[in-house]
Amino acid sequence: MVQYWGNEPPSTMAKGPTTVVSNAKLDHLLKLADTYCIKAENGEWDVEPGTYKAIKNAVDHVKMEQFKQARQRRRTMNIDFVADEERRPNVSRLNTQEMDKP
């Protein structure tokens, strides 16, 4: 007989405790942490190396997690092939027209 701690077998149990924090709230903390790192790197603030390293690692970790969430969205593009070679220069001009404006 196999005994489990909790209600579920180990194969379906969670990896560990998780929390739910919105990216909007994390953005405020990232701004603060980035400011801390920039000021420390520029020599404006005299900080402890261990604290700087911990904050820098935390910033990298949070940014990576936010990137993983952001790339899950699927984006589509509407692209039509222009078979008429005489029309291509006109289409090219129209495609790049907005970028050429200052």
C-alpha atoms as a PDB file:
ATOM      1  CA  MET A   1       0.000   0.000   0.000  1.00  0.00           C
ATOM      2  CA  VAL A   2       1.323   3.420  -0.989  1.00  0.00           C
ATOM      3  CA  GLN A   3       0.691   6.403   1.250  1.00  0.00           C
ATOM      4  CA  TYR A   4       0.762   9.989   0.007  1.00  0.00           C
ATOM      5  CA  TRP A   5       1.181  13.200   1.904  1.00  0.00           C
ATOM      6  CA  GLY A   6      -1.862  15.136   0.764  1.00  0.00           C
ATOM      7  CA  ASN A   7      -4.767  14.104  -1.408  1.00  0.00           C
ATOM      8  CA  GLU A   8      -3.035  13.451  -4.713  1.00  0.00           C
ATOM      9  CA  PRO A   9      -0.313  11.074  -5.875  1.00  0.00           C
ATOM     10  CA  PRO A  10       3.137  12.631  -6.405  1.00  0.00           C
ATOM     11  CA  SER A  11       2.857  12.574 -10.199  1.00  0.00           C
ATOM     12  CA  THR A  12      -0.018  15.081 -10.183  1.00  0.00           C
ATOM     13  CA  MET A  13       1.192  17.261  -7.334  1.00  0.00           C
ATOM     14  CA  ALA A  14       2.448  20.765  -8.034  1.00  0.00           C
ATOM     15  CA  LYS A  15       6.164  21.440  -8.212  1.00  0.00           C
ATOM     16  CA  GLY A  16       6.013  23.904  -5.349  1.00  0.00           C
ATOM     17  CA  PRO A  17       4.144  26.875  -4.004  1.00  0.00           C
ATOM     18  CA  THR A  18       3.309  29.511  -6.583  1.00  0.00           C
ATOM     19  CA  THR A  19       1.958  33.020  -6.368  1.00  0.00           C
ATOM     20  CA  VAL A  20       0.007  35.138  -8.792  1.00  0.00           C
ATOM     21  CA  VAL A  21       1.307  38.652  -9.323  1.00  0.00           C
ATOM     22  CA  SER A  22       0.233  40.830 -12.216  1.00  0.00           C
ATOM     23  CA  ASN A  23       2.867  42.061 -14.638  1.00  0.00           C
ATOM     24  CA  ALA A  24       1.673  45.615 -14.010  1.00  0.00           C
ATOM     25  CA  LYS A  25       2.713  45.352 -10.365  1.00  0.00           C
ATOM     26  CA  LEU A  26       5.976  43.687 -11.308  1.00  0.00           C
ATOM     27  CA  ASP A  27       6.723  46.531 -13.721  1.00  0.00           C
ATOM     28  CA  HIS A  28       6.784  48.988 -10.787  1.00  0.00           C
ATOM     29  CA  LEU A  29       9.271  46.809  -8.947  1.00  0.00           C
ATOM     30  CA  LEU A  30      11.359  46.355 -12.079  1.00  0.00           C
ATOM     31  CA  LYS A  31      11.572  50.114 -12.524  1.00  0.00           C
ATOM     32  CA  LEU A  32      12.794  50.486  -8.948  1.00  0.00           C
ATOM     33  CA  ALA A  33      15.273  47.618  -9.301  1.00  0.00           C
ATOM     34  CA  ASP A  34      16.556  48.939 -12.640  1.00  0.00           C
ATOM     35  CA  THR A  35      17.093  52.361 -11.069  1.00  0.00           C
ATOM     36  CA  TYR A  36      19.003  50.740  -8.206  1.00  0.00           C
ATOM     37  CA  CYS A  37      21.227  48.807 -10.633  1.00  0.00           C
ATOM     38  CA  ILE A  38      21.857  51.802 -12.892  1.00  0.00           C
ATOM     39  CA  LYS A  39      22.774  54.071  -9.977  1.00  0.00           C
ATOM     40  CA  ALA A  40      25.071  51.385  -8.551  1.00  0.00           C
ATOM     41  CA  GLU A  41      26.719  50.721 -11.930  1.00  0.00           C
ATOM     42  CA  ASN A  42      27.280  54.441 -12.520  1.00  0.00           C
ATOM     43  CA  GLY A  43      28.860  54.811  -9.076  1.00  0.00           C
ATOM     44  CA  GLU A  44      26.204  57.254  -7.863  1.00  0.00           C
ATOM     45  CA  TRP A  45      25.236  54.948  -5.012  1.00  0.00           C
ATOM     46  CA  ASP A  46      27.633  52.974  -2.813  1.00  0.00           C
ATOM     47  CA  VAL A  47      25.906  49.610  -2.311  1.00  0.00           C
ATOM     48  CA  GLU A  48      26.806  46.219  -0.924  1.00  0.00           C
ATOM     49  CA  PRO A  49      27.965  43.764  -3.631  1.00  0.00           C
ATOM     50  CA  GLY A  50      25.745  40.943  -2.373  1.00  0.00           C
ATOM     51  CA  THR A  51      22.634  43.098  -2.462  1.00  0.00           C
ATOM     52  CA  TYR A  52      23.469  44.388  -5.929  1.00  0.00           C
ATOM     53  CA  LYS A  53      24.023  40.846  -7.225  1.00  0.00           C
ATOM     54  CA  ALA A  54      20.757  39.578  -5.688  1.00  0.00           C
ATOM     55  CA  ILE A  55      18.732  42.436  -7.157  1.00  0.00           C
ATOM     56  CA  LYS A  56      20.379  42.052 -10.568  1.00  0.00           C
ATOM     57  CA  ASN A  57      19.594  38.306 -10.607  1.00  0.00           C
ATOM     58  CA  ALA A  58      15.996  38.958  -9.515  1.00  0.00           C
ATOM     59  CA  VAL A  59      15.540  41.530 -12.284  1.00  0.00           C
ATOM     60  CA  ASP A  60      16.855  39.097 -14.888  1.00  0.00           C
ATOM     61  CA  HIS A  61      14.586  36.338 -13.582  1.00  0.00           C
ATOM     62  CA  VAL A  62      11.433  38.493 -13.591  1.00  0.00           C
ATOM     63  CA  LYS A  63      12.149  39.843 -17.069  1.00  0.00           C
ATOM     64  CA  MET A  64      12.634  36.293 -18.372  1.00  0.00           C
ATOM     65  CA  GLU A  65       9.349  35.136 -16.836  1.00  0.00           C
ATOM     66  CA  GLN A  66       7.524  38.115 -18.325  1.00  0.00           C
ATOM     67  CA  PHE A  67       9.072  37.340 -21.716  1.00  0.00           C
ATOM     68  CA  LYS A  68       7.921  33.716 -21.497  1.00  0.00           C
ATOM     69  CA  GLN A  69       4.361  34.871 -20.817  1.00  0.00           C
ATOM     70  CA  ALA A  70       4.404  37.495 -23.561  1.00  0.00           C
ATOM     71  CA  ARG A  71       5.598  35.155 -26.293  1.00  0.00           C
ATOM     72  CA  GLN A  72       2.673  32.770 -25.745  1.00  0.00           C
ATOM     73  CA  ARG A  73       0.416  35.104 -27.696  1.00  0.00           C
ATOM     74  CA  ARG A  74       0.016  34.205 -31.297  1.00  0.00           C
ATOM     75  CA  ARG A  75       0.252  37.062 -33.730  1.00  0.00           C
ATOM     76  CA  THR A  76      -0.848  36.900 -37.330  1.00  0.00           C
ATOM     77  CA  MET A  77       0.016  39.011 -40.341  1.00  0.00           C
ATOM     78  CA  ASN A  78      -2.051  39.605 -43.436  1.00  0.00           C
ATOM     79  CA  ILE A  79       0.263  39.282 -46.421  1.00  0.00           C
ATOM     80  CA  ASP A  80      -0.830  39.178 -50.046  1.00  0.00           C
ATOM     81  CA  PHE A  81       1.546  38.098 -52.777  1.00  0.00           C
ATOM     82  CA  VAL A  82       1.858  40.570 -55.640  1.00  0.00           C
ATOM     83  CA  ALA A  83       2.262  38.534 -58.809  1.00  0.00           C
ATOM     84  CA  ASP A  84       2.192  41.491 -61.200  1.00  0.00           C
ATOM     85  CA  GLU A  85       5.793  42.682 -61.503  1.00  0.00           C
ATOM     86  CA  GLU A  86       4.745  46.049 -62.933  1.00  0.00           C
ATOM     87  CA  ARG A  87       2.656  46.743 -59.837  1.00  0.00           C
ATOM     88  CA  ARG A  88       5.434  45.820 -57.348  1.00  0.00           C
ATOM     89  CA  PRO A  89       7.257  49.207 -57.347  1.00  0.00           C
ATOM     90  CA  ASN A  90       3.979  50.961 -56.556  1.00  0.00           C
ATOM     91  CA  VAL A  91       3.186  48.495 -53.767  1.00  0.00           C
ATOM     92  CA  SER A  92       6.717  48.907 -52.407  1.00  0.00           C
ATOM     93  CA  ARG A  93       6.303  52.681 -52.319  1.00  0.00           C
ATOM     94  CA  LEU A  94       2.971  52.338 -50.511  1.00  0.00           C
ATOM     95  CA  ASN A  95       4.428  49.875 -47.984  1.00  0.00           C
ATOM     96  CA  THR A  96       7.328  52.156 -47.063  1.00  0.00           C
ATOM     97  CA  GLN A  97       5.493  55.466 -47.412  1.00  0.00           C
ATOM     98  CA  GLU A  98       4.710  55.778 -43.698  1.00  0.00           C
ATOM     99  CA  MET A  99       8.311  55.056 -42.669  1.00  0.00           C
ATOM    100  CA  ASP A 100       9.762  57.707 -44.970  1.00  0.00           C
ATOM    101  CA  LYS A 101       7.838  60.527 -43.298  1.00  0.00           C
ATOM    102  CA  PRO A 102       9.894  62.358 -40.627  1.00  0.00           C
END
